């Protein structure tokens, strides 16, 4: 339990503090809060939001009616959400990559089949509930909120895993099932962000910069040293590259990849994803909550350890800049997000999990009942971090975005519901 709580405090405590400060600030003095969020840090031609858009949307709040001959504005919000959050998504991608590629990865083979099918239900269920209820609210409301369909598909992996252990006990096989589902959910969430929520007009030719950066850094600094060392048991060239160059070639490649994402119209917060698979990695992964992983010395894990404390600070600012919603902003999007998470996800996981276990004959892990699937779905309904992020890209700033953000924040109630449903379904906790 200590290891899980330590992970949550490392990656989420500052996020919660930032979100709470934002809520208080936005409701006490909404004007100054909004000025802080979009404060212009740098007028330039390279990085930031389109200068014309920023001037039209926010210029009046800062008394700026005209801009010098620049193309972009690096605002505080863009710096955090589009630049720095790329490191958060890189860590998430690292866990997904290891789960898929390594021989003992948790998302490989038959053991992952039922959780993967249940993951599909945990995404389709919220979408059906969200869009179905929105359609019943009338065409005007539907048109206003439809683009937020992906918000309730997300699962906050750290908090869900913590709550899962509280509900089932650390040794229950349902906890492992939940972790597999959450990792797969994160992978699908990254794909959804890349495909359905571009940050601007698509320019696919710029994506080639990301592709070539990933290929070049892999070939020159990963594959080539190992190929040159093929007859050298001491692996001198690989060791030299590892010790002398460390992560710097990958940092440069990451910067180029990020810029390629920005210019291509894909969301730049995902710009480091092509680089993650290029880093040398260990032959096995112990999992994101495994104590042993801190002793791995491969470059991929080394980079994750280097990013640990910076990402904590980044998540604080992410909470500060994105969770500042006035309580009066609660509206249709709030309830749609909540219903998608609290209703669509549990029933989606239950239905698809049952279908995988019985008609598809994939089975369930020993000790996991069908009713446990519903409880797992309740736990996975804690959207928070990723739901909040998707809300910021699904809607333009305004009432609908604020209402959707409130739904993501209120998804914490899924923890209470999970504990209650766990008691009612007579789960026998297994500690270990």
Protein backbone atom coordinates (compact mmCIF):
# COMPACT_ATOMS: atom_id res chain seq x y z
CA UNK A 1 0.00 0.00 0.00
CA UNK A 2 2.89 2.35 0.77
CA UNK A 3 4.26 2.00 -2.77
CA UNK A 4 0.89 2.88 -4.34
CA UNK A 5 0.33 5.82 -2.02
CA UNK A 6 3.87 7.00 -2.68
CA UNK A 7 3.20 6.91 -6.43
CA UNK A 8 -0.03 8.88 -6.04
CA UNK A 9 1.61 11.52 -3.86
CA UNK A 10 4.53 11.77 -6.29
CA UNK A 11 2.43 12.33 -9.38
CA UNK A 12 -0.94 13.56 -8.19
CA UNK A 13 -0.75 15.37 -4.86
CA UNK A 14 0.59 18.59 -6.37
CA UNK A 15 -1.99 18.24 -9.14
CA UNK A 16 -4.78 18.19 -6.54
CA UNK A 17 -3.28 21.16 -4.69
CA UNK A 18 -3.07 23.12 -7.93
CA UNK A 19 -6.67 22.22 -8.80
CA UNK A 20 -7.95 23.27 -5.36
CA UNK A 21 -6.11 26.61 -5.56
CA UNK A 22 -7.59 27.14 -9.02
CA UNK A 23 -11.13 26.44 -7.82
CA UNK A 24 -10.82 28.86 -4.92
CA UNK A 25 -9.14 31.54 -7.04
CA UNK A 26 -11.59 31.28 -9.94
CA UNK A 27 -14.58 31.62 -7.63
CA UNK A 28 -13.08 34.37 -5.47
CA UNK A 29 -11.69 36.55 -8.27
CA UNK A 30 -12.46 35.12 -11.72
CA UNK A 31 -11.07 38.15 -13.53
CA UNK A 32 -7.53 37.91 -12.16
CA UNK A 33 -7.57 34.12 -12.59
CA UNK A 34 -8.35 34.39 -16.30
CA UNK A 35 -5.62 37.03 -16.71
CA UNK A 36 -3.12 34.63 -15.16
CA UNK A 37 -4.09 31.68 -17.35
CA UNK A 38 -3.56 33.26 -20.76
CA UNK A 39 -0.79 35.67 -19.78
CA UNK A 40 1.48 36.27 -22.82
CA UNK A 41 5.04 35.18 -22.06
CA UNK A 42 6.62 35.59 -25.50
CA UNK A 43 5.57 37.03 -28.85
CA UNK A 44 7.47 35.08 -31.51
CA UNK A 45 7.29 33.21 -34.81
CA UNK A 46 7.97 29.67 -33.56
CA UNK A 47 6.07 28.45 -30.52
CA UNK A 48 2.57 29.14 -29.20
CA UNK A 49 -0.97 29.78 -30.30
CA UNK A 50 -1.78 31.68 -33.46
CA UNK A 51 -1.17 35.37 -32.76
CA UNK A 52 -4.36 36.48 -34.51
CA UNK A 53 -6.47 34.06 -32.48
CA UNK A 54 -4.84 35.11 -29.20
CA UNK A 55 -5.31 38.82 -29.97
CA UNK A 56 -8.99 38.34 -30.84
CA UNK A 57 -9.76 36.08 -27.88
CA UNK A 58 -7.64 37.57 -25.10
CA UNK A 59 -5.97 40.78 -26.24
CA UNK A 60 -8.69 43.03 -24.83
CA UNK A 61 -8.17 41.63 -21.32
CA UNK A 62 -4.54 42.83 -21.37
CA UNK A 63 -5.25 46.13 -23.11
CA UNK A 64 -3.52 44.92 -26.29
CA UNK A 65 -5.23 45.96 -29.51
CA UNK A 66 -2.40 45.23 -31.92
CA UNK A 67 0.62 42.96 -32.09
CA UNK A 68 4.02 43.36 -33.68
CA UNK A 69 4.73 41.36 -36.81
CA UNK A 70 4.71 37.95 -35.12
CA UNK A 71 2.92 34.70 -35.87
CA UNK A 72 2.60 33.10 -32.42
CA UNK A 73 2.05 33.91 -28.76
CA UNK A 74 3.53 31.68 -26.08
CA UNK A 75 0.94 32.05 -23.32
CA UNK A 76 1.21 30.57 -19.84
CA UNK A 77 -1.58 28.12 -20.73
CA UNK A 78 0.13 26.97 -23.94
CA UNK A 79 3.46 26.55 -22.14
CA UNK A 80 1.93 24.17 -19.60
CA UNK A 81 -0.72 22.33 -21.63
CA UNK A 82 1.05 22.03 -24.97
CA UNK A 83 4.75 22.09 -24.11
CA UNK A 84 5.36 20.82 -20.58
CA UNK A 85 2.53 18.26 -20.49
CA UNK A 86 4.38 16.47 -23.28
CA UNK A 87 6.64 15.06 -20.55
CA UNK A 88 3.64 13.71 -18.63
CA UNK A 89 2.30 11.95 -21.72
CA UNK A 90 5.79 10.63 -22.44
CA UNK A 91 5.80 8.88 -19.05
CA UNK A 92 2.36 7.44 -19.76
CA UNK A 93 3.57 6.28 -23.19
CA UNK A 94 6.62 4.65 -21.59
CA UNK A 95 4.40 2.44 -19.44
CA UNK A 96 2.19 1.53 -22.39
CA UNK A 97 5.21 0.79 -24.58
CA UNK A 98 6.77 -1.55 -22.02
CA UNK A 99 3.45 -3.30 -21.46
CA UNK A 100 3.17 -4.02 -25.18
CA UNK A 101 6.73 -4.67 -26.37
CA UNK A 102 8.45 -6.57 -23.54
CA UNK A 103 8.18 -10.32 -23.32
CA UNK A 104 6.59 -10.14 -19.87
CA UNK A 105 4.55 -7.04 -20.72
CA UNK A 106 1.14 -6.87 -19.12
CA UNK A 107 -0.65 -6.19 -22.42
CA UNK A 108 0.74 -9.22 -24.24
CA UNK A 109 -0.80 -12.62 -24.82
CA UNK A 110 -4.00 -14.23 -23.68
CA UNK A 111 -3.78 -12.85 -20.15
CA UNK A 112 -4.58 -9.39 -21.50
CA UNK A 113 -7.39 -10.45 -23.83
CA UNK A 114 -10.38 -10.03 -21.50
CA UNK A 115 -9.12 -6.74 -19.98
CA UNK A 116 -8.57 -5.38 -23.49
CA UNK A 117 -12.10 -6.27 -24.56
CA UNK A 118 -13.42 -4.77 -21.30
CA UNK A 119 -11.43 -1.62 -22.10
CA UNK A 120 -13.33 -1.31 -25.37
CA UNK A 121 -16.57 -1.47 -23.39
CA UNK A 122 -15.21 1.08 -20.93
CA UNK A 123 -14.78 3.50 -23.83
CA UNK A 124 -17.79 2.68 -25.99
CA UNK A 125 -20.18 2.75 -23.01
CA UNK A 126 -19.36 6.34 -21.98
CA UNK A 127 -19.53 7.54 -25.59
CA UNK A 128 -22.97 5.97 -26.10
CA UNK A 129 -24.31 7.40 -22.84
CA UNK A 130 -22.80 10.85 -23.45
CA UNK A 131 -24.03 11.23 -27.03
CA UNK A 132 -27.33 9.45 -26.38
CA UNK A 133 -28.28 11.75 -23.51
CA UNK A 134 -27.02 14.77 -25.43
CA UNK A 135 -29.29 13.89 -28.36
CA UNK A 136 -32.26 13.80 -26.00
CA UNK A 137 -31.49 17.36 -24.87
CA UNK A 138 -32.24 18.78 -28.30
CA UNK A 139 -30.25 19.62 -31.39
CA UNK A 140 -28.90 22.93 -30.05
CA UNK A 141 -27.47 21.32 -26.92
CA UNK A 142 -26.21 18.33 -28.89
CA UNK A 143 -24.35 20.56 -31.34
CA UNK A 144 -22.80 22.49 -28.46
CA UNK A 145 -21.54 19.48 -26.49
CA UNK A 146 -21.05 16.69 -29.06
CA UNK A 147 -17.31 17.30 -29.49
CA UNK A 148 -16.76 16.33 -25.86
CA UNK A 149 -17.68 12.67 -26.44
CA UNK A 150 -14.14 11.49 -25.56
CA UNK A 151 -13.98 13.21 -22.15
CA UNK A 152 -15.69 10.39 -20.20
CA UNK A 153 -13.62 7.67 -21.87
CA UNK A 154 -10.54 8.47 -19.78
CA UNK A 155 -9.29 6.73 -16.62
CA UNK A 156 -6.91 8.32 -14.13
CA UNK A 157 -4.57 5.37 -13.69
CA UNK A 158 -2.96 6.39 -10.38
CA UNK A 159 -6.13 7.24 -8.47
CA UNK A 160 -8.08 4.35 -9.93
CA UNK A 161 -5.37 1.90 -8.90
CA UNK A 162 -5.28 3.33 -5.39
CA UNK A 163 -9.07 3.10 -5.01
CA UNK A 164 -9.03 -0.39 -6.53
CA UNK A 165 -6.68 -1.58 -3.79
CA UNK A 166 -8.92 -0.01 -1.15
CA UNK A 167 -11.96 -1.78 -2.59
CA UNK A 168 -10.50 -5.20 -3.41
CA UNK A 169 -7.38 -5.41 -1.26
CA UNK A 170 -3.83 -5.46 -2.62
CA UNK A 171 -3.79 -9.19 -3.36
CA UNK A 172 -7.07 -9.48 -5.25
CA UNK A 173 -6.70 -10.48 -8.94
CA UNK A 174 -9.28 -7.81 -9.83
CA UNK A 175 -6.65 -5.18 -9.01
CA UNK A 176 -4.36 -6.56 -11.70
CA UNK A 177 -7.30 -6.63 -14.12
CA UNK A 178 -8.00 -2.98 -13.29
CA UNK A 179 -4.38 -2.00 -13.92
CA UNK A 180 -4.38 -3.70 -17.32
CA UNK A 181 -7.61 -1.94 -18.21
CA UNK A 182 -6.27 1.45 -17.09
CA UNK A 183 -3.04 1.08 -19.09
CA UNK A 184 -4.97 0.07 -22.21
CA UNK A 185 -7.36 2.97 -21.58
CA UNK A 186 -4.41 5.38 -21.50
CA UNK A 187 -3.14 3.98 -24.80
CA UNK A 188 -6.53 4.47 -26.44
CA UNK A 189 -6.77 7.95 -24.96
CA UNK A 190 -3.47 8.94 -26.59
CA UNK A 191 -4.74 7.66 -29.94
CA UNK A 192 -8.01 9.57 -29.56
CA UNK A 193 -6.19 12.80 -28.77
CA UNK A 194 -3.93 12.40 -31.81
CA UNK A 195 -6.65 11.43 -34.28
CA UNK A 196 -9.78 13.30 -33.22
CA UNK A 197 -8.46 16.45 -31.56
CA UNK A 198 -5.89 18.11 -33.80
CA UNK A 199 -4.70 21.49 -32.59
CA UNK A 200 -5.11 23.23 -35.95
CA UNK A 201 -5.25 22.78 -39.69
CA UNK A 202 -3.59 19.50 -40.61
CA UNK A 203 -0.29 19.72 -42.48
CA UNK A 204 0.80 16.06 -42.72
CA UNK A 205 4.15 16.91 -44.32
CA UNK A 206 5.34 18.35 -41.00
CA UNK A 207 4.66 15.03 -39.30
CA UNK A 208 7.54 13.64 -41.35
CA UNK A 209 9.86 15.73 -39.18
CA UNK A 210 8.70 13.72 -36.16
CA UNK A 211 9.06 10.43 -38.02
CA UNK A 212 12.54 11.20 -39.35
CA UNK A 213 13.68 12.47 -35.93
CA UNK A 214 12.59 9.22 -34.30
CA UNK A 215 14.21 7.05 -36.99
CA UNK A 216 17.46 9.03 -36.96
CA UNK A 217 17.95 9.01 -33.21
CA UNK A 218 17.12 5.30 -33.01
CA UNK A 219 19.50 4.31 -35.81
CA UNK A 220 22.41 6.55 -34.80
CA UNK A 221 22.31 6.29 -31.02
CA UNK A 222 20.58 2.98 -30.29
CA UNK A 223 20.86 0.47 -33.13
CA UNK A 224 24.26 1.50 -34.58
CA UNK A 225 26.28 1.33 -31.31
CA UNK A 226 24.80 -2.11 -30.59
CA UNK A 227 25.59 -3.27 -34.14
CA UNK A 228 29.19 -2.07 -33.80
CA UNK A 229 29.43 -3.92 -30.48
CA UNK A 230 28.16 -7.21 -31.88
CA UNK A 231 31.58 -8.87 -31.41
CA UNK A 232 32.55 -6.94 -28.28
CA UNK A 233 31.38 -8.48 -25.03
CA UNK A 234 32.34 -5.29 -23.15
CA UNK A 235 30.01 -3.26 -25.39
CA UNK A 236 32.42 -0.33 -25.37
CA UNK A 237 30.69 1.79 -28.01
CA UNK A 238 27.22 1.38 -26.50
CA UNK A 239 28.65 2.18 -23.07
CA UNK A 240 30.37 5.31 -24.39
CA UNK A 241 27.15 6.55 -25.99
CA UNK A 242 25.21 5.79 -22.80
CA UNK A 243 27.67 7.54 -20.47
CA UNK A 244 28.87 10.46 -22.58
CA UNK A 245 25.79 11.39 -24.57
CA UNK A 246 23.12 10.11 -22.19
CA UNK A 247 19.64 11.41 -23.06
CA UNK A 248 20.76 14.50 -25.02
CA UNK A 249 20.36 13.07 -28.54
CA UNK A 250 16.83 12.00 -27.59
CA UNK A 251 16.11 15.42 -26.10
CA UNK A 252 17.07 17.08 -29.39
CA UNK A 253 15.01 14.54 -31.35
CA UNK A 254 12.11 15.13 -28.95
CA UNK A 255 12.26 18.89 -29.53
CA UNK A 256 12.18 18.37 -33.30
CA UNK A 257 9.35 15.84 -32.99
CA UNK A 258 7.37 18.24 -30.77
CA UNK A 259 7.79 21.01 -33.34
CA UNK A 260 6.68 18.66 -36.10
CA UNK A 261 3.51 17.88 -34.15
CA UNK A 262 2.80 21.56 -33.58
CA UNK A 263 3.24 22.47 -37.23
CA UNK A 264 1.38 19.39 -38.51
CA UNK A 265 -1.76 20.28 -36.54
CA UNK A 266 -1.54 17.27 -34.21
CA UNK A 267 -1.71 18.14 -30.54
CA UNK A 268 1.86 19.07 -29.55
CA UNK A 269 1.46 17.60 -26.05
CA UNK A 270 1.80 14.23 -27.79
CA UNK A 271 4.96 15.30 -29.60
CA UNK A 272 7.35 13.09 -27.60
CA UNK A 273 5.45 9.87 -28.25
CA UNK A 274 7.42 8.89 -31.39
CA UNK A 275 10.69 9.24 -29.44
CA UNK A 276 9.77 7.04 -26.45
CA UNK A 277 10.12 3.71 -28.34
CA UNK A 278 13.56 4.72 -29.64
CA UNK A 279 15.22 4.82 -26.20
CA UNK A 280 17.20 1.75 -25.07
CA UNK A 281 15.10 -0.15 -22.56
CA UNK A 282 15.46 -3.02 -20.13
CA UNK A 283 14.55 -6.56 -21.10
CA UNK A 284 11.71 -6.57 -18.62
CA UNK A 285 9.44 -4.17 -16.77
CA UNK A 286 8.34 -4.54 -13.19
CA UNK A 287 5.34 -2.21 -13.55
CA UNK A 288 4.61 1.37 -12.59
CA UNK A 289 4.00 0.50 -8.94
CA UNK A 290 6.92 -1.91 -8.55
CA UNK A 291 9.66 -0.88 -6.15
CA UNK A 292 12.27 -2.77 -8.18
CA UNK A 293 11.89 -0.52 -11.20
CA UNK A 294 13.88 2.25 -9.52
CA UNK A 295 16.98 0.01 -9.74
CA UNK A 296 16.83 -0.44 -13.52
CA UNK A 297 19.67 1.41 -15.24
CA UNK A 298 18.51 1.43 -18.87
CA UNK A 299 18.15 4.85 -20.47
CA UNK A 300 14.36 4.66 -20.75
CA UNK A 301 13.92 4.17 -17.00
CA UNK A 302 16.72 6.65 -16.28
CA UNK A 303 14.82 9.33 -18.22
CA UNK A 304 11.62 8.52 -16.34
CA UNK A 305 13.44 8.95 -13.02
CA UNK A 306 14.90 12.27 -14.19
CA UNK A 307 11.42 13.49 -15.13
CA UNK A 308 9.80 12.44 -11.85
CA UNK A 309 10.12 15.69 -9.91
CA UNK A 310 9.71 18.04 -12.91
CA UNK A 311 6.48 16.26 -13.84
CA UNK A 312 5.18 16.71 -10.29
CA UNK A 313 5.63 20.48 -10.69
CA UNK A 314 4.15 20.41 -14.20
CA UNK A 315 1.04 18.66 -12.90
CA UNK A 316 0.66 21.33 -10.22
CA UNK A 317 0.57 24.03 -12.88
CA UNK A 318 -1.70 21.90 -15.06
CA UNK A 319 -4.21 21.74 -12.20
CA UNK A 320 -3.77 25.44 -11.50
CA UNK A 321 -4.39 26.52 -15.10
CA UNK A 322 -7.16 24.09 -16.01
CA UNK A 323 -9.29 23.41 -12.93
CA UNK A 324 -10.28 27.01 -12.26
CA UNK A 325 -14.01 26.69 -12.90
CA UNK A 326 -16.72 28.79 -11.32
CA UNK A 327 -19.31 26.66 -9.55
CA UNK A 328 -22.00 28.49 -11.49
CA UNK A 329 -20.56 26.92 -14.66
CA UNK A 330 -22.26 23.59 -13.95
CA UNK A 331 -24.40 22.80 -16.97
CA UNK A 332 -25.49 20.05 -19.38
CA UNK A 333 -21.89 19.12 -20.24
CA UNK A 334 -21.17 18.53 -16.55
CA UNK A 335 -23.92 15.94 -16.20
CA UNK A 336 -23.13 14.34 -19.56
CA UNK A 337 -19.51 13.80 -18.57
CA UNK A 338 -20.53 12.45 -15.16
CA UNK A 339 -23.18 10.12 -16.58
CA UNK A 340 -20.76 8.89 -19.20
CA UNK A 341 -18.21 8.07 -16.52
CA UNK A 342 -20.45 6.89 -13.68
CA UNK A 343 -22.97 4.95 -15.81
CA UNK A 344 -21.44 4.28 -19.22
CA UNK A 345 -18.06 3.04 -18.01
CA UNK A 346 -19.25 0.50 -15.36
CA UNK A 347 -21.92 -0.98 -17.61
CA UNK A 348 -19.60 -0.93 -20.62
CA UNK A 349 -16.88 -2.80 -18.72
CA UNK A 350 -19.45 -5.26 -17.35
CA UNK A 351 -21.10 -5.99 -20.72
CA UNK A 352 -17.93 -6.33 -22.78
CA UNK A 353 -16.09 -8.17 -20.00
CA UNK A 354 -18.93 -10.69 -19.74
CA UNK A 355 -18.96 -11.10 -23.52
CA UNK A 356 -15.20 -11.76 -23.55
CA UNK A 357 -15.36 -14.19 -20.64
CA UNK A 358 -18.35 -16.25 -21.81
CA UNK A 359 -19.39 -16.06 -25.49
CA UNK A 360 -15.78 -15.42 -26.58
CA UNK A 361 -14.59 -18.05 -24.05
CA UNK A 362 -11.57 -15.98 -22.99
CA UNK A 363 -12.42 -16.45 -19.33
CA UNK A 364 -11.70 -14.34 -16.27
CA UNK A 365 -8.69 -14.49 -13.94
CA UNK A 366 -9.14 -16.98 -11.14
CA UNK A 367 -10.95 -15.29 -8.26
CA UNK A 368 -12.63 -12.59 -10.37
CA UNK A 369 -16.43 -12.77 -10.58
CA UNK A 370 -18.67 -11.24 -13.24
CA UNK A 371 -20.03 -8.77 -10.67
CA UNK A 372 -16.47 -7.67 -9.96
CA UNK A 373 -16.33 -6.31 -13.51
CA UNK A 374 -19.00 -3.77 -12.62
CA UNK A 375 -17.02 -2.68 -9.56
CA UNK A 376 -13.88 -2.40 -11.68
CA UNK A 377 -15.84 -0.18 -14.06
CA UNK A 378 -16.91 2.04 -11.17
CA UNK A 379 -13.31 2.43 -10.06
CA UNK A 380 -12.17 3.17 -13.62
CA UNK A 381 -14.75 5.98 -13.80
CA UNK A 382 -12.32 8.32 -12.05
CA UNK A 383 -11.35 10.38 -15.09
CA UNK A 384 -9.74 13.47 -13.55
CA UNK A 385 -6.33 14.20 -15.17
CA UNK A 386 -6.85 12.95 -18.72
CA UNK A 387 -10.57 13.88 -18.75
CA UNK A 388 -9.62 17.40 -17.71
CA UNK A 389 -7.01 17.56 -20.46
CA UNK A 390 -9.42 16.34 -23.14
CA UNK A 391 -12.00 18.91 -22.01
CA UNK A 392 -9.49 21.70 -22.66
CA UNK A 393 -8.89 20.54 -26.24
CA UNK A 394 -12.46 19.47 -27.07
CA UNK A 395 -14.03 22.89 -26.47
CA UNK A 396 -12.99 26.48 -26.90
CA UNK A 397 -12.70 28.48 -23.66
CA UNK A 398 -16.14 29.37 -22.41
CA UNK A 399 -19.20 28.06 -20.62
CA UNK A 400 -19.30 24.61 -22.26
CA UNK A 401 -15.62 23.94 -21.60
CA UNK A 402 -16.00 25.03 -17.95
CA UNK A 403 -19.04 22.79 -17.51
CA UNK A 404 -17.18 19.81 -18.99
CA UNK A 405 -14.19 20.48 -16.73
CA UNK A 406 -16.49 20.45 -13.72
CA UNK A 407 -17.70 17.01 -14.76
CA UNK A 408 -14.10 15.77 -14.92
CA UNK A 409 -13.37 17.18 -11.46
CA UNK A 410 -16.54 15.69 -9.96
CA UNK A 411 -15.60 12.25 -11.27
CA UNK A 412 -13.81 11.80 -7.94
CA UNK A 413 -17.23 10.76 -6.61
CA UNK A 414 -16.64 7.49 -8.45
CA UNK A 415 -14.31 6.56 -5.57
CA UNK A 416 -17.15 6.79 -3.06
CA UNK A 417 -19.50 4.89 -5.37
CA UNK A 418 -16.86 2.16 -5.82
CA UNK A 419 -16.51 1.65 -2.07
CA UNK A 420 -20.29 1.42 -1.66
CA UNK A 421 -20.78 -0.96 -4.61
CA UNK A 422 -17.87 -3.05 -3.36
CA UNK A 423 -19.60 -3.49 -0.01
CA UNK A 424 -22.96 -4.28 -1.60
CA UNK A 425 -21.43 -6.90 -3.91
CA UNK A 426 -19.75 -8.57 -0.90
CA UNK A 427 -16.21 -8.44 -2.20
CA UNK A 428 -13.80 -10.39 -0.04
CA UNK A 429 -10.67 -8.31 0.28
CA UNK A 430 -7.40 -10.09 -0.28
CA UNK A 431 -4.34 -8.47 1.23
CA UNK A 432 -0.89 -9.24 -0.03
